[in-house]
C-alpha atoms as a PDB file:
ATOM      1  CA  MET A   1     130.242  56.012  75.883  1.00  0.00           C
ATOM      2  CA  GLU A   2     128.230  55.886  72.681  1.00  0.00           C
ATOM      3  CA  SER A   3     126.766  58.876  70.945  1.00  0.00           C
ATOM      4  CA  GLY A   4     123.650  59.253  68.862  1.00  0.00           C
ATOM      5  CA  GLY A   5     121.524  57.014  71.083  1.00  0.00           C
ATOM      6  CA  LYS A   6     117.849  57.655  71.797  1.00  0.00           C
ATOM      7  CA  ARG A   7     116.346  57.771  75.188  1.00  0.00           C
ATOM      8  CA  THR A   8     113.456  55.356  75.292  1.00  0.00           C
ATOM      9  CA  TYR A   9     112.719  55.291  79.001  1.00  0.00           C
ATOM     10  CA  GLU A  10     111.470  58.359  80.811  1.00  0.00           C
ATOM     11  CA  ALA A  11     111.024  57.908  84.541  1.00  0.00           C
ATOM     12  CA  TRP A  12     108.627  60.812  84.935  1.00  0.00           C
ATOM     13  CA  LYS A  13     106.080  59.059  82.720  1.00  0.00           C
ATOM     14  CA  ASP A  14     106.095  56.050  85.046  1.00  0.00           C
ATOM     15  CA  ALA A  15     105.725  58.315  88.050  1.00  0.00           C
ATOM     16  CA  ASP A  16     102.748  60.108  86.474  1.00  0.00           C
ATOM     17  CA  MET A  17     101.108  56.826  85.512  1.00  0.00           C
ATOM     18  CA  MET A  18     101.506  55.422  89.037  1.00  0.00           C
ATOM     19  CA  GLU A  19     100.205  58.645  90.585  1.00  0.00           C
ATOM     20  CA  ASN A  20      97.127  58.565  88.340  1.00  0.00           C
ATOM     21  CA  ALA A  21      96.570  54.854  89.067  1.00  0.00           C
ATOM     22  CA  MET A  22      96.768  55.459  92.832  1.00  0.00           C
ATOM     23  CA  LYS A  23      94.395  58.404  92.545  1.00  0.00           C
ATOM     24  CA  GLU A  24      91.873  56.368  90.550  1.00  0.00           C
ATOM     25  CA  GLU A  25      92.108  53.474  93.009  1.00  0.00           C
ATOM     26  CA  LYS A  26      91.526  55.814  95.933  1.00  0.00           C
ATOM     27  CA  GLU A  27      88.481  57.323  94.203  1.00  0.00           C
ATOM     28  CA  ARG A  28      87.049  53.850  93.493  1.00  0.00           C
ATOM     29  CA  GLU A  29      87.537  52.808  97.112  1.00  0.00           C
ATOM     30  CA  ALA A  30      85.886  56.000  98.318  1.00  0.00           C
ATOM     31  CA  ALA A  31      82.919  55.438  96.020  1.00  0.00           C
ATOM     32  CA  ASN A  32      82.465  51.859  97.256  1.00  0.00           C
ATOM     33  CA  ASP A  33      83.093  52.493 100.924  1.00  0.00           C
ATOM     34  CA  HIS A  34      80.778  55.095 102.396  1.00  0.00           C
ATOM     35  CA  MET A  35      82.496  54.999 105.778  1.00  0.00           C
ATOM     36  CA  LYS A  36      85.854  55.980 104.241  1.00  0.00           C
ATOM     37  CA  ALA A  37      84.105  58.724 102.303  1.00  0.00           C
ATOM     38  CA  MET A  38      82.648  60.095 105.531  1.00  0.00           C
ATOM     39  CA  GLU A  39      86.058  59.936 107.218  1.00  0.00           C
ATOM     40  CA  GLN A  40      87.660  61.803 104.320  1.00  0.00           C
ATOM     41  CA  LYS A  41      84.921  64.416 104.412  1.00  0.00           C
ATOM     42  CA  SER A  42      85.499  64.832 108.158  1.00  0.00           C
ATOM     43  CA  ILE A  43      89.233  65.276 107.586  1.00  0.00           C
ATOM     44  CA  ASN A  44      88.545  67.870 104.884  1.00  0.00           C
ATOM     45  CA  VAL A  45      86.184  69.794 107.169  1.00  0.00           C
ATOM     46  CA  GLN A  46      88.749  69.788 109.988  1.00  0.00           C
ATOM     47  CA  ALA A  47      91.449  71.067 107.635  1.00  0.00           C
ATOM     48  CA  GLU A  48      89.142  73.820 106.395  1.00  0.00           C
ATOM     49  CA  MET A  49      88.291  74.852 109.971  1.00  0.00           C
ATOM     50  CA  GLN A  50      91.996  74.980 110.838  1.00  0.00           C
ATOM     51  CA  MET A  51      92.677  77.175 107.800  1.00  0.00           C
ATOM     52  CA  LEU A  52      89.867  79.540 108.836  1.00  0.00           C
ATOM     53  CA  GLU A  53      91.275  79.760 112.377  1.00  0.00           C
ATOM     54  CA  ASP A  54      94.743  80.501 110.993  1.00  0.00           C
ATOM     55  CA  LEU A  55      93.318  83.187 108.722  1.00  0.00           C
ATOM     56  CA  ASP A  56      91.456  84.747 111.642  1.00  0.00           C
ATOM     57  CA  SER A  57      94.603  84.811 113.778  1.00  0.00           C
ATOM     58  CA  ILE A  58      96.539  86.452 110.931  1.00  0.00           C
ATOM     59  CA  ARG A  59      93.824  89.093 110.542  1.00  0.00           C
ATOM     60  CA  THR A  60      93.879  89.754 114.296  1.00  0.00           C
ATOM     61  CA  MET A  61      97.657  90.082 114.242  1.00  0.00           C
ATOM     62  CA  ASN A  62      97.529  92.499 111.304  1.00  0.00           C
ATOM     63  CA  LYS A  63      94.875  94.574 113.054  1.00  0.00           C
ATOM     64  CA  ARG A  64      97.004  94.730 116.194  1.00  0.00           C
ATOM     65  CA  MET A  65     100.045  95.775 114.162  1.00  0.00           C
ATOM     66  CA  GLY A  66      98.044  98.568 112.519  1.00  0.00           C
ATOM     67  CA  GLN A  67      96.959  99.881 115.907  1.00  0.00           C
ATOM     68  CA  ARG A  68     100.556  99.707 117.118  1.00  0.00           C
ATOM     69  CA  ASP A  69     101.717 101.854 114.213  1.00  0.00           C
ATOM     70  CA  LYS A  70      99.008 104.404 114.971  1.00  0.00           C
ATOM     71  CA  THR A  71     100.020 104.485 118.636  1.00  0.00           C
ATOM     72  CA  ILE A  72     103.675 105.024 117.725  1.00  0.00           C
ATOM     73  CA  GLU A  73     102.740 107.894 115.429  1.00  0.00           C
ATOM     74  CA  GLU A  74     100.650 109.502 118.185  1.00  0.00           C
ATOM     75  CA  ALA A  75     103.515 109.162 120.672  1.00  0.00           C
ATOM     76  CA  LEU A  76     105.974 110.758 118.249  1.00  0.00           C
ATOM     77  CA  GLN A  77     103.537 113.582 117.529  1.00  0.00           C
ATOM     78  CA  TYR A  78     103.166 114.217 121.275  1.00  0.00           C
ATOM     79  CA  LEU A  79     106.956 114.333 121.716  1.00  0.00           C
ATOM     80  CA  PHE A  80     107.373 116.777 118.836  1.00  0.00           C
ATOM     81  CA  GLN A  81     104.619 119.028 120.217  1.00  0.00           C
ATOM     82  CA  ARG A  82     106.189 118.937 123.685  1.00  0.00           C
ATOM     83  CA  GLU A  83     109.593 119.907 122.264  1.00  0.00           C
ATOM     84  CA  GLU A  84     108.042 122.762 120.287  1.00  0.00           C
ATOM     85  CA  LYS A  85     106.205 124.014 123.381  1.00  0.00           C
ATOM     86  CA  LYS A  86     109.399 123.800 125.426  1.00  0.00           C
ATOM     87  CA  ALA A  87     111.329 125.732 122.760  1.00  0.00           C
ATOM     88  CA  ALA A  88     108.597 128.403 122.640  1.00  0.00           C
ATOM     89  CA  GLU A  89     108.645 128.784 126.430  1.00  0.00           C
ATOM     90  CA  GLU A  90     112.416 129.115 126.449  1.00  0.00           C
ATOM     91  CA  ALA A  91     112.222 131.766 123.743  1.00  0.00           C
ATOM     92  CA  GLU A  92     109.769 133.757 125.863  1.00  0.00           C
ATOM     93  CA  LEU A  93     111.924 133.701 129.023  1.00  0.00           C
ATOM     94  CA  PRO A  94     114.176 136.678 129.619  1.00  0.00           C
ATOM     95  CA  GLU A  95     117.889 135.978 129.511  1.00  0.00           C
ATOM     96  CA  ALA A  96     118.275 136.506 133.272  1.00  0.00           C
ATOM     97  CA  ASP A  97     115.697 133.852 134.050  1.00  0.00           C
ATOM     98  CA  LEU A  98     117.388 131.576 131.561  1.00  0.00           C
ATOM     99  CA  ALA A  99     120.713 131.996 133.364  1.00  0.00           C
ATOM    100  CA  GLU A 100     119.071 131.068 136.670  1.00  0.00           C
ATOM    101  CA  LEU A 101     117.596 127.924 135.157  1.00  0.00           C
ATOM    102  CA  SER A 102     120.917 126.776 133.724  1.00  0.00           C
ATOM    103  CA  GLU A 103     122.706 127.113 137.108  1.00  0.00           C
END
């Protein structure tokens, strides 16, 4: 293997040039062919509609998740209140009544 050589060929430059050439060719074809332009516009509109539908479904899902969290919090609050009420009632019962309940 030799050292001190210079790299004169860079593949990424060729790839960029080909990509730009293909893009320019596609734009020229679209400008000359109105039917292809209409088809491309239709495809773009369909893609945009699909993105809007996806966004709407995500928003709906997030809204549902928020309501679920609220419901869980309400259920936990109810359970805590019930336990506190039960503890207060047991504290009020005389010890004799408490013994009857435990038997």
